[in-house]
C-alpha atoms as a PDB file:
ATOM      1  CA  UNK A   1       9.551 -13.392   2.813  1.00  0.00           C
ATOM      2  CA  UNK A   2       7.407 -10.692   0.859  1.00  0.00           C
ATOM      3  CA  UNK A   3       4.114  -9.173   0.895  1.00  0.00           C
ATOM      4  CA  UNK A   4       3.204 -11.758  -1.873  1.00  0.00           C
ATOM      5  CA  UNK A   5      -0.129 -11.529  -3.463  1.00  0.00           C
ATOM      6  CA  UNK A   6      -2.570 -14.392  -3.574  1.00  0.00           C
ATOM      7  CA  UNK A   7      -1.864 -16.279  -6.711  1.00  0.00           C
ATOM      8  CA  UNK A   8      -4.618 -16.136  -9.259  1.00  0.00           C
ATOM      9  CA  UNK A   9      -5.490 -18.635 -12.027  1.00  0.00           C
ATOM     10  CA  UNK A  10      -3.420 -18.422 -15.281  1.00  0.00           C
ATOM     11  CA  UNK A  11      -4.297 -18.870 -18.921  1.00  0.00           C
ATOM     12  CA  UNK A  12      -1.679 -19.909 -21.314  1.00  0.00           C
ATOM     13  CA  UNK A  13      -1.989 -19.884 -25.152  1.00  0.00           C
ATOM     14  CA  UNK A  14       0.493 -22.078 -27.304  1.00  0.00           C
ATOM     15  CA  UNK A  15       1.436 -21.766 -30.079  1.00  0.00           C
ATOM     16  CA  UNK A  16       0.706 -18.349 -31.359  1.00  0.00           C
ATOM     17  CA  UNK A  17       2.322 -18.154 -34.804  1.00  0.00           C
ATOM     18  CA  UNK A  18       3.938 -14.844 -35.455  1.00  0.00           C
ATOM     19  CA  UNK A  19       4.620 -14.360 -39.190  1.00  0.00           C
ATOM     20  CA  UNK A  20       8.397 -13.963 -39.563  1.00  0.00           C
ATOM     21  CA  UNK A  21       9.515 -13.463 -43.079  1.00  0.00           C
ATOM     22  CA  UNK A  22      13.258 -14.487 -43.816  1.00  0.00           C
ATOM     23  CA  UNK A  23      13.493 -16.589 -40.575  1.00  0.00           C
ATOM     24  CA  UNK A  24      12.935 -19.821 -42.559  1.00  0.00           C
ATOM     25  CA  UNK A  25      10.284 -20.966 -39.658  1.00  0.00           C
ATOM     26  CA  UNK A  26       7.708 -18.609 -38.366  1.00  0.00           C
ATOM     27  CA  UNK A  27       8.191 -17.681 -34.836  1.00  0.00           C
ATOM     28  CA  UNK A  28       6.063 -19.706 -32.233  1.00  0.00           C
ATOM     29  CA  UNK A  29       5.146 -17.968 -28.973  1.00  0.00           C
ATOM     30  CA  UNK A  30       3.484 -19.006 -25.743  1.00  0.00           C
ATOM     31  CA  UNK A  31       1.770 -16.254 -23.647  1.00  0.00           C
ATOM     32  CA  UNK A  32       0.844 -16.876 -20.072  1.00  0.00           C
ATOM     33  CA  UNK A  33      -1.382 -14.334 -18.108  1.00  0.00           C
ATOM     34  CA  UNK A  34      -3.387 -14.024 -14.965  1.00  0.00           C
ATOM     35  CA  UNK A  35      -7.035 -14.105 -15.467  1.00  0.00           C
ATOM     36  CA  UNK A  36      -7.585 -11.088 -13.391  1.00  0.00           C
ATOM     37  CA  UNK A  37      -6.122  -7.594 -13.123  1.00  0.00           C
ATOM     38  CA  UNK A  38      -5.286  -4.700 -15.325  1.00  0.00           C
ATOM     39  CA  UNK A  39      -2.137  -2.725 -16.245  1.00  0.00           C
ATOM     40  CA  UNK A  40      -0.165  -5.928 -16.194  1.00  0.00           C
ATOM     41  CA  UNK A  41       3.612  -5.595 -16.692  1.00  0.00           C
ATOM     42  CA  UNK A  42       5.338  -7.841 -19.275  1.00  0.00           C
ATOM     43  CA  UNK A  43       8.234 -10.200 -19.112  1.00  0.00           C
ATOM     44  CA  UNK A  44       9.672 -11.570 -22.377  1.00  0.00           C
ATOM     45  CA  UNK A  45      11.695 -14.690 -21.727  1.00  0.00           C
ATOM     46  CA  UNK A  46      14.446 -16.390 -23.523  1.00  0.00           C
ATOM     47  CA  UNK A  47      15.041 -20.187 -23.100  1.00  0.00           C
ATOM     48  CA  UNK A  48      18.220 -22.017 -22.953  1.00  0.00           C
ATOM     49  CA  UNK A  49      20.076 -24.153 -25.803  1.00  0.00           C
ATOM     50  CA  UNK A  50      17.630 -26.692 -27.219  1.00  0.00           C
ATOM     51  CA  UNK A  51      14.632 -25.454 -25.038  1.00  0.00           C
ATOM     52  CA  UNK A  52      11.355 -24.261 -25.898  1.00  0.00           C
ATOM     53  CA  UNK A  53       8.491 -21.869 -25.190  1.00  0.00           C
ATOM     54  CA  UNK A  54       6.841 -24.640 -23.051  1.00  0.00           C
ATOM     55  CA  UNK A  55       9.773 -24.971 -20.471  1.00  0.00           C
ATOM     56  CA  UNK A  56      10.473 -22.877 -17.242  1.00  0.00           C
ATOM     57  CA  UNK A  57       7.125 -23.570 -15.688  1.00  0.00           C
ATOM     58  CA  UNK A  58       8.353 -23.162 -12.147  1.00  0.00           C
ATOM     59  CA  UNK A  59       9.186 -19.421 -13.145  1.00  0.00           C
ATOM     60  CA  UNK A  60       6.620 -18.690 -15.565  1.00  0.00           C
ATOM     61  CA  UNK A  61       3.763 -20.031 -13.597  1.00  0.00           C
ATOM     62  CA  UNK A  62       4.883 -18.048 -10.518  1.00  0.00           C
ATOM     63  CA  UNK A  63       5.307 -14.754 -12.294  1.00  0.00           C
ATOM     64  CA  UNK A  64       1.909 -15.108 -14.287  1.00  0.00           C
ATOM     65  CA  UNK A  65      -0.064 -16.091 -11.328  1.00  0.00           C
ATOM     66  CA  UNK A  66       1.237 -12.860  -9.429  1.00  0.00           C
ATOM     67  CA  UNK A  67       0.594 -10.252 -11.982  1.00  0.00           C
ATOM     68  CA  UNK A  68       2.978 -10.577 -15.035  1.00  0.00           C
ATOM     69  CA  UNK A  69       2.191 -11.439 -18.536  1.00  0.00           C
ATOM     70  CA  UNK A  70       4.879 -13.840 -19.819  1.00  0.00           C
ATOM     71  CA  UNK A  71       5.913 -14.014 -23.481  1.00  0.00           C
ATOM     72  CA  UNK A  72       8.070 -16.970 -24.456  1.00  0.00           C
ATOM     73  CA  UNK A  73       9.327 -17.511 -28.133  1.00  0.00           C
ATOM     74  CA  UNK A  74      10.711 -20.823 -29.219  1.00  0.00           C
ATOM     75  CA  UNK A  75      14.159 -20.073 -30.751  1.00  0.00           C
ATOM     76  CA  UNK A  76      15.552 -21.897 -33.887  1.00  0.00           C
ATOM     77  CA  UNK A  77      18.016 -23.977 -31.751  1.00  0.00           C
ATOM     78  CA  UNK A  78      14.997 -25.790 -30.087  1.00  0.00           C
ATOM     79  CA  UNK A  79      15.216 -29.461 -30.187  1.00  0.00           C
ATOM     80  CA  UNK A  80      11.591 -29.157 -31.410  1.00  0.00           C
ATOM     81  CA  UNK A  81      12.723 -27.745 -34.516  1.00  0.00           C
ATOM     82  CA  UNK A  82      15.809 -30.138 -34.893  1.00  0.00           C
ATOM     83  CA  UNK A  83      17.658 -28.031 -37.315  1.00  0.00           C
ATOM     84  CA  UNK A  84      20.648 -29.932 -38.856  1.00  0.00           C
ATOM     85  CA  UNK A  85      24.096 -28.710 -37.936  1.00  0.00           C
ATOM     86  CA  UNK A  86      24.713 -27.658 -41.423  1.00  0.00           C
ATOM     87  CA  UNK A  87      21.636 -25.511 -41.752  1.00  0.00           C
ATOM     88  CA  UNK A  88      22.741 -22.253 -43.136  1.00  0.00           C
ATOM     89  CA  UNK A  89      21.016 -20.272 -40.241  1.00  0.00           C
ATOM     90  CA  UNK A  90      23.029 -22.110 -37.583  1.00  0.00           C
ATOM     91  CA  UNK A  91      26.010 -19.684 -37.366  1.00  0.00           C
ATOM     92  CA  UNK A  92      23.641 -16.801 -36.874  1.00  0.00           C
ATOM     93  CA  UNK A  93      21.029 -18.344 -34.434  1.00  0.00           C
ATOM     94  CA  UNK A  94      22.458 -16.142 -31.605  1.00  0.00           C
ATOM     95  CA  UNK A  95      21.400 -13.124 -33.718  1.00  0.00           C
ATOM     96  CA  UNK A  96      18.041 -14.555 -34.719  1.00  0.00           C
ATOM     97  CA  UNK A  97      17.216 -15.238 -30.926  1.00  0.00           C
ATOM     98  CA  UNK A  98      17.669 -11.482 -30.349  1.00  0.00           C
ATOM     99  CA  UNK A  99      15.354 -10.716 -33.266  1.00  0.00           C
ATOM    100  CA  UNK A 100      12.927 -13.276 -31.681  1.00  0.00           C
ATOM    101  CA  UNK A 101      12.659 -11.256 -28.555  1.00  0.00           C
ATOM    102  CA  UNK A 102      12.301  -7.962 -30.301  1.00  0.00           C
ATOM    103  CA  UNK A 103       9.672  -9.244 -32.755  1.00  0.00           C
ATOM    104  CA  UNK A 104       7.717 -10.628 -29.885  1.00  0.00           C
ATOM    105  CA  UNK A 105       7.465  -7.119 -28.567  1.00  0.00           C
ATOM    106  CA  UNK A 106       6.803  -5.762 -31.928  1.00  0.00           C
ATOM    107  CA  UNK A 107       3.748  -7.957 -32.175  1.00  0.00           C
ATOM    108  CA  UNK A 108       2.314  -7.347 -28.864  1.00  0.00           C
ATOM    109  CA  UNK A 109      -1.065  -6.431 -30.531  1.00  0.00           C
ATOM    110  CA  UNK A 110      -1.190  -9.984 -32.123  1.00  0.00           C
ATOM    111  CA  UNK A 111      -0.123 -11.785 -29.013  1.00  0.00           C
ATOM    112  CA  UNK A 112      -2.741  -9.743 -26.775  1.00  0.00           C
ATOM    113  CA  UNK A 113      -5.528 -10.548 -29.120  1.00  0.00           C
ATOM    114  CA  UNK A 114      -4.581 -14.111 -29.333  1.00  0.00           C
ATOM    115  CA  UNK A 115      -5.260 -14.730 -25.430  1.00  0.00           C
ATOM    116  CA  UNK A 116      -8.900 -14.782 -24.471  1.00  0.00           C
ATOM    117  CA  UNK A 117      -9.709 -11.911 -22.250  1.00  0.00           C
ATOM    118  CA  UNK A 118      -6.294 -10.199 -22.153  1.00  0.00           C
ATOM    119  CA  UNK A 119      -7.174  -7.324 -24.708  1.00  0.00           C
ATOM    120  CA  UNK A 120      -6.465  -3.875 -23.037  1.00  0.00           C
ATOM    121  CA  UNK A 121      -4.711  -5.306 -19.833  1.00  0.00           C
ATOM    122  CA  UNK A 122      -1.220  -4.844 -20.550  1.00  0.00           C
ATOM    123  CA  UNK A 123       0.930  -2.065 -19.255  1.00  0.00           C
ATOM    124  CA  UNK A 124       3.229  -1.446 -22.293  1.00  0.00           C
ATOM    125  CA  UNK A 125       5.351   1.034 -20.281  1.00  0.00           C
ATOM    126  CA  UNK A 126       6.700  -1.783 -18.001  1.00  0.00           C
ATOM    127  CA  UNK A 127       8.440  -4.367 -19.845  1.00  0.00           C
ATOM    128  CA  UNK A 128      11.253  -6.585 -18.533  1.00  0.00           C
ATOM    129  CA  UNK A 129      13.338  -9.311 -20.178  1.00  0.00           C
ATOM    130  CA  UNK A 130      14.734 -12.347 -18.639  1.00  0.00           C
ATOM    131  CA  UNK A 131      16.435 -15.547 -19.818  1.00  0.00           C
ATOM    132  CA  UNK A 132      18.465 -18.610 -18.675  1.00  0.00           C
ATOM    133  CA  UNK A 133      21.888 -19.732 -19.844  1.00  0.00           C
ATOM    134  CA  UNK A 134      22.249 -18.903 -23.657  1.00  0.00           C
ATOM    135  CA  UNK A 135      18.825 -17.319 -23.202  1.00  0.00           C
ATOM    136  CA  UNK A 136      20.342 -15.043 -20.503  1.00  0.00           C
ATOM    137  CA  UNK A 137      23.061 -13.830 -23.073  1.00  0.00           C
ATOM    138  CA  UNK A 138      20.267 -13.265 -25.619  1.00  0.00           C
ATOM    139  CA  UNK A 139      18.508 -11.193 -22.854  1.00  0.00           C
ATOM    140  CA  UNK A 140      21.532  -9.268 -22.144  1.00  0.00           C
ATOM    141  CA  UNK A 141      21.852  -7.781 -25.591  1.00  0.00           C
ATOM    142  CA  UNK A 142      18.531  -6.060 -25.129  1.00  0.00           C
ATOM    143  CA  UNK A 143      19.793  -4.660 -21.966  1.00  0.00           C
ATOM    144  CA  UNK A 144      22.774  -3.037 -23.675  1.00  0.00           C
ATOM    145  CA  UNK A 145      25.356  -5.924 -23.723  1.00  0.00           C
ATOM    146  CA  UNK A 146      27.266  -6.225 -27.014  1.00  0.00           C
ATOM    147  CA  UNK A 147      29.025  -9.195 -28.752  1.00  0.00           C
ATOM    148  CA  UNK A 148      32.800  -8.690 -29.386  1.00  0.00           C
ATOM    149  CA  UNK A 149      34.117  -9.730 -32.794  1.00  0.00           C
ATOM    150  CA  UNK A 150      37.365 -11.816 -33.274  1.00  0.00           C
ATOM    151  CA  UNK A 151      39.430  -8.519 -32.780  1.00  0.00           C
ATOM    152  CA  UNK A 152      37.553  -7.694 -29.564  1.00  0.00           C
ATOM    153  CA  UNK A 153      35.599  -4.778 -31.047  1.00  0.00           C
ATOM    154  CA  UNK A 154      32.031  -4.398 -29.799  1.00  0.00           C
ATOM    155  CA  UNK A 155      29.422  -5.493 -32.513  1.00  0.00           C
ATOM    156  CA  UNK A 156      26.038  -3.946 -33.171  1.00  0.00           C
ATOM    157  CA  UNK A 157      24.134  -2.336 -30.372  1.00  0.00           C
ATOM    158  CA  UNK A 158      21.044  -4.280 -29.919  1.00  0.00           C
ATOM    159  CA  UNK A 159      19.795  -2.495 -26.769  1.00  0.00           C
ATOM    160  CA  UNK A 160      15.961  -2.206 -26.729  1.00  0.00           C
ATOM    161  CA  UNK A 161      14.577   1.036 -25.106  1.00  0.00           C
ATOM    162  CA  UNK A 162      11.251  -0.617 -24.468  1.00  0.00           C
ATOM    163  CA  UNK A 163      12.793  -2.786 -21.802  1.00  0.00           C
ATOM    164  CA  UNK A 164      13.630  -1.228 -18.520  1.00  0.00           C
ATOM    165  CA  UNK A 165      14.657  -4.158 -16.238  1.00  0.00           C
ATOM    166  CA  UNK A 166      16.245  -7.503 -16.647  1.00  0.00           C
ATOM    167  CA  UNK A 167      16.936 -10.874 -15.007  1.00  0.00           C
ATOM    168  CA  UNK A 168      19.867 -12.908 -16.116  1.00  0.00           C
ATOM    169  CA  UNK A 169      19.940 -16.621 -14.906  1.00  0.00           C
ATOM    170  CA  UNK A 170      23.289 -18.241 -15.299  1.00  0.00           C
ATOM    171  CA  UNK A 171      24.457 -15.748 -17.844  1.00  0.00           C
ATOM    172  CA  UNK A 172      27.597 -16.318 -20.195  1.00  0.00           C
ATOM    173  CA  UNK A 173      30.586 -14.446 -18.900  1.00  0.00           C
ATOM    174  CA  UNK A 174      33.432 -13.025 -20.841  1.00  0.00           C
ATOM    175  CA  UNK A 175      34.796 -14.662 -24.003  1.00  0.00           C
ATOM    176  CA  UNK A 176      38.329 -14.704 -25.295  1.00  0.00           C
ATOM    177  CA  UNK A 177      40.900 -16.607 -23.227  1.00  0.00           C
ATOM    178  CA  UNK A 178      38.045 -17.185 -20.654  1.00  0.00           C
ATOM    179  CA  UNK A 179      36.369 -19.717 -23.152  1.00  0.00           C
ATOM    180  CA  UNK A 180      37.201 -23.324 -23.354  1.00  0.00           C
ATOM    181  CA  UNK A 181      38.688 -24.408 -26.656  1.00  0.00           C
ATOM    182  CA  UNK A 182      35.456 -26.270 -27.473  1.00  0.00           C
ATOM    183  CA  UNK A 183      33.330 -23.017 -26.859  1.00  0.00           C
ATOM    184  CA  UNK A 184      35.886 -20.826 -28.684  1.00  0.00           C
ATOM    185  CA  UNK A 185      35.436 -23.072 -31.754  1.00  0.00           C
ATOM    186  CA  UNK A 186      31.810 -23.692 -31.646  1.00  0.00           C
ATOM    187  CA  UNK A 187      30.356 -20.434 -30.046  1.00  0.00           C
ATOM    188  CA  UNK A 188      32.422 -17.633 -31.154  1.00  0.00           C
ATOM    189  CA  UNK A 189      29.384 -15.312 -30.311  1.00  0.00           C
ATOM    190  CA  UNK A 190      29.939 -16.145 -26.682  1.00  0.00           C
ATOM    191  CA  UNK A 191      32.051 -13.180 -26.098  1.00  0.00           C
ATOM    192  CA  UNK A 192      29.891 -10.474 -24.516  1.00  0.00           C
ATOM    193  CA  UNK A 193      30.944  -6.977 -23.406  1.00  0.00           C
ATOM    194  CA  UNK A 194      28.899  -5.630 -20.586  1.00  0.00           C
ATOM    195  CA  UNK A 195      30.396  -2.205 -20.631  1.00  0.00           C
ATOM    196  CA  UNK A 196      27.259  -0.554 -22.098  1.00  0.00           C
ATOM    197  CA  UNK A 197      24.634  -2.792 -20.184  1.00  0.00           C
ATOM    198  CA  UNK A 198      23.109   0.117 -18.236  1.00  0.00           C
ATOM    199  CA  UNK A 199      19.660  -1.297 -17.629  1.00  0.00           C
ATOM    200  CA  UNK A 200      18.816  -2.321 -14.128  1.00  0.00           C
ATOM    201  CA  UNK A 201      19.445  -6.107 -13.969  1.00  0.00           C
ATOM    202  CA  UNK A 202      19.448  -8.902 -11.336  1.00  0.00           C
ATOM    203  CA  UNK A 203      22.116 -11.531 -12.181  1.00  0.00           C
ATOM    204  CA  UNK A 204      21.522 -14.975 -10.594  1.00  0.00           C
ATOM    205  CA  UNK A 205      24.561 -17.325 -10.465  1.00  0.00           C
ATOM    206  CA  UNK A 206      25.278 -20.668  -8.812  1.00  0.00           C
ATOM    207  CA  UNK A 207      28.463 -20.931  -6.840  1.00  0.00           C
ATOM    208  CA  UNK A 208      28.756 -24.758  -8.084  1.00  0.00           C
ATOM    209  CA  UNK A 209      27.982 -23.943 -11.798  1.00  0.00           C
ATOM    210  CA  UNK A 210      31.201 -25.132 -13.348  1.00  0.00           C
ATOM    211  CA  UNK A 211      30.679 -24.918 -16.930  1.00  0.00           C
ATOM    212  CA  UNK A 212      32.547 -26.756 -19.687  1.00  0.00           C
ATOM    213  CA  UNK A 213      32.396 -23.715 -21.850  1.00  0.00           C
ATOM    214  CA  UNK A 214      34.841 -21.707 -19.644  1.00  0.00           C
ATOM    215  CA  UNK A 215      38.110 -22.390 -17.988  1.00  0.00           C
ATOM    216  CA  UNK A 216      37.378 -19.890 -15.267  1.00  0.00           C
ATOM    217  CA  UNK A 217      34.992 -21.721 -12.822  1.00  0.00           C
ATOM    218  CA  UNK A 218      31.586 -20.579 -11.321  1.00  0.00           C
ATOM    219  CA  UNK A 219      32.535 -16.950 -10.858  1.00  0.00           C
ATOM    220  CA  UNK A 220      32.320 -16.726 -14.857  1.00  0.00           C
ATOM    221  CA  UNK A 221      28.580 -16.521 -14.367  1.00  0.00           C
ATOM    222  CA  UNK A 222      28.873 -13.348 -12.193  1.00  0.00           C
ATOM    223  CA  UNK A 223      30.671 -11.205 -14.936  1.00  0.00           C
ATOM    224  CA  UNK A 224      27.537  -9.561 -16.047  1.00  0.00           C
ATOM    225  CA  UNK A 225      27.262  -8.037 -12.631  1.00  0.00           C
ATOM    226  CA  UNK A 226      30.944  -7.100 -11.937  1.00  0.00           C
ATOM    227  CA  UNK A 227      31.593  -5.809 -15.417  1.00  0.00           C
ATOM    228  CA  UNK A 228      28.456  -3.681 -16.190  1.00  0.00           C
ATOM    229  CA  UNK A 229      27.828  -0.199 -15.057  1.00  0.00           C
ATOM    230  CA  UNK A 230      24.609   1.186 -13.497  1.00  0.00           C
ATOM    231  CA  UNK A 231      22.276  -0.273 -10.932  1.00  0.00           C
ATOM    232  CA  UNK A 232      22.697  -4.188 -10.619  1.00  0.00           C
ATOM    233  CA  UNK A 233      22.059  -6.958  -8.176  1.00  0.00           C
ATOM    234  CA  UNK A 234      23.693 -10.249  -7.769  1.00  0.00           C
ATOM    235  CA  UNK A 235      22.142 -13.351  -6.093  1.00  0.00           C
ATOM    236  CA  UNK A 236      24.729 -16.009  -5.527  1.00  0.00           C
ATOM    237  CA  UNK A 237      23.028 -19.394  -4.819  1.00  0.00           C
ATOM    238  CA  UNK A 238      25.199 -21.587  -2.627  1.00  0.00           C
ATOM    239  CA  UNK A 239      25.568 -25.168  -4.102  1.00  0.00           C
ATOM    240  CA  UNK A 240      23.701 -24.347  -7.271  1.00  0.00           C
ATOM    241  CA  UNK A 241      24.629 -25.787 -10.522  1.00  0.00           C
ATOM    242  CA  UNK A 242      23.462 -24.714 -14.031  1.00  0.00           C
ATOM    243  CA  UNK A 243      19.651 -25.223 -13.559  1.00  0.00           C
ATOM    244  CA  UNK A 244      19.723 -23.321 -10.376  1.00  0.00           C
ATOM    245  CA  UNK A 245      17.955 -25.991  -8.361  1.00  0.00           C
ATOM    246  CA  UNK A 246      15.352 -26.857 -11.193  1.00  0.00           C
ATOM    247  CA  UNK A 247      14.085 -23.619 -12.883  1.00  0.00           C
ATOM    248  CA  UNK A 248      13.686 -25.093 -16.315  1.00  0.00           C
ATOM    249  CA  UNK A 249      10.877 -27.551 -15.607  1.00  0.00           C
ATOM    250  CA  UNK A 250       9.068 -29.454 -13.121  1.00  0.00           C
ATOM    251  CA  UNK A 251      10.954 -32.710 -12.353  1.00  0.00           C
ATOM    252  CA  UNK A 252      13.188 -31.880 -15.265  1.00  0.00           C
ATOM    253  CA  UNK A 253      15.773 -34.681 -16.107  1.00  0.00           C
ATOM    254  CA  UNK A 254      18.624 -32.188 -16.768  1.00  0.00           C
ATOM    255  CA  UNK A 255      18.340 -30.824 -13.208  1.00  0.00           C
ATOM    256  CA  UNK A 256      21.642 -32.010 -11.401  1.00  0.00           C
ATOM    257  CA  UNK A 257      20.912 -30.029  -8.194  1.00  0.00           C
ATOM    258  CA  UNK A 258      17.296 -30.512  -7.404  1.00  0.00           C
ATOM    259  CA  UNK A 259      16.316 -28.069  -4.674  1.00  0.00           C
ATOM    260  CA  UNK A 260      12.673 -26.836  -4.281  1.00  0.00           C
ATOM    261  CA  UNK A 261      13.847 -24.302  -1.574  1.00  0.00           C
ATOM    262  CA  UNK A 262      16.399 -22.679  -4.085  1.00  0.00           C
ATOM    263  CA  UNK A 263      13.765 -22.607  -6.823  1.00  0.00           C
ATOM    264  CA  UNK A 264      11.317 -20.898  -4.319  1.00  0.00           C
ATOM    265  CA  UNK A 265      13.951 -18.401  -3.529  1.00  0.00           C
ATOM    266  CA  UNK A 266      14.503 -17.456  -7.090  1.00  0.00           C
ATOM    267  CA  UNK A 267      10.573 -17.235  -7.748  1.00  0.00           C
ATOM    268  CA  UNK A 268      10.295 -14.816  -4.833  1.00  0.00           C
ATOM    269  CA  UNK A 269      13.434 -12.712  -5.537  1.00  0.00           C
ATOM    270  CA  UNK A 270      12.884 -12.287  -9.354  1.00  0.00           C
ATOM    271  CA  UNK A 271       9.229 -11.376  -8.837  1.00  0.00           C
ATOM    272  CA  UNK A 272      10.231  -8.703  -6.121  1.00  0.00           C
ATOM    273  CA  UNK A 273      12.992  -7.365  -8.097  1.00  0.00           C
ATOM    274  CA  UNK A 274      11.054  -6.873 -11.337  1.00  0.00           C
ATOM    275  CA  UNK A 275       8.117  -5.274  -9.417  1.00  0.00           C
ATOM    276  CA  UNK A 276      10.422  -2.829  -7.903  1.00  0.00           C
ATOM    277  CA  UNK A 277      12.593  -2.288 -10.871  1.00  0.00           C
ATOM    278  CA  UNK A 278       9.591  -1.584 -12.997  1.00  0.00           C
ATOM    279  CA  UNK A 279       8.356   1.033 -10.451  1.00  0.00           C
ATOM    280  CA  UNK A 280       5.682  -1.148  -8.979  1.00  0.00           C
ATOM    281  CA  UNK A 281       6.241  -0.488  -5.219  1.00  0.00           C
ATOM    282  CA  UNK A 282       4.193  -3.618  -4.009  1.00  0.00           C
ATOM    283  CA  UNK A 283       7.181  -5.941  -3.360  1.00  0.00           C
ATOM    284  CA  UNK A 284       9.799  -5.980  -0.618  1.00  0.00           C
ATOM    285  CA  UNK A 285      13.242  -5.044  -2.231  1.00  0.00           C
ATOM    286  CA  UNK A 286      16.038  -5.694  -1.418  1.00  0.00           C
ATOM    287  CA  UNK A 287      14.552  -9.014  -0.055  1.00  0.00           C
ATOM    288  CA  UNK A 288      15.947 -10.988   2.627  1.00  0.00           C
ATOM    289  CA  UNK A 289      17.834 -14.208   1.773  1.00  0.00           C
ATOM    290  CA  UNK A 290      18.300 -17.061   3.955  1.00  0.00           C
ATOM    291  CA  UNK A 291      22.012 -17.271   4.851  1.00  0.00           C
ATOM    292  CA  UNK A 292      22.163 -21.053   4.097  1.00  0.00           C
ATOM    293  CA  UNK A 293      20.653 -20.653   0.572  1.00  0.00           C
ATOM    294  CA  UNK A 294      22.646 -17.670  -0.881  1.00  0.00           C
ATOM    295  CA  UNK A 295      23.878 -14.038  -0.771  1.00  0.00           C
ATOM    296  CA  UNK A 296      22.447 -10.964  -2.194  1.00  0.00           C
ATOM    297  CA  UNK A 297      24.502  -7.906  -3.147  1.00  0.00           C
ATOM    298  CA  UNK A 298      23.899  -4.638  -5.119  1.00  0.00           C
ATOM    299  CA  UNK A 299      25.584  -1.745  -6.516  1.00  0.00           C
ATOM    300  CA  UNK A 300      23.846   1.596  -6.563  1.00  0.00           C
END
């Protein structure tokens, strides 16, 4: 499908503790990097609800073995931390998630020095953000999306100029009347505005991803593409549900639509997209998509 490089061995270090005053728990981060190569671009990745830094192996291993350094923080909602529902941090976890990604980038020196052999091999001018599900909404805020308040006014602009490309996998769509009553009650922050999301982004959505969080149906997960300005691409995966064929882990129990072919397509396309969007012209983009698996469309 692409002029893919031969995969190289990967070294992963976890946990790397990033001191985080005021968070309640220091940030734990996993870093995965190829054992060879220099001027390596960086992806900071945000997991879905309840996940952790050690998930998403099908994507992380693929990216890291083909030239990316992948940084994965564990957010406060992780099942590993098991925060009680009445924890005072719970209402603002969405905001702490954003800070987790920014702090991971603030602490690149610490992360780089914590991985044997990685020192001096990062290209800090080429940084992307990616995320799945709630993690995709978290990632979108660094790309320029904003959270609307109860009156529909855009909240704080959390855009991060260090990030020049993004991949949003099964990303939250519009809030307001598009949310189910359950989501409106429990996740009021799930009300993004994509009007200021100018950073080049690939949105990946499953056309069978029927979420209990929205009354709209699977097209809810395409809002980030349709409602944002600038250069965007949308990969619609036919028959895919919320884990998009199984990106969250190898043989994950929560995968309801297991499809190695679908996962392979996501691996290849996200790799090619990010290499191209970060100015590394060693990939084929836009890439061909087999007509039985999905459809790729783009805006200029």
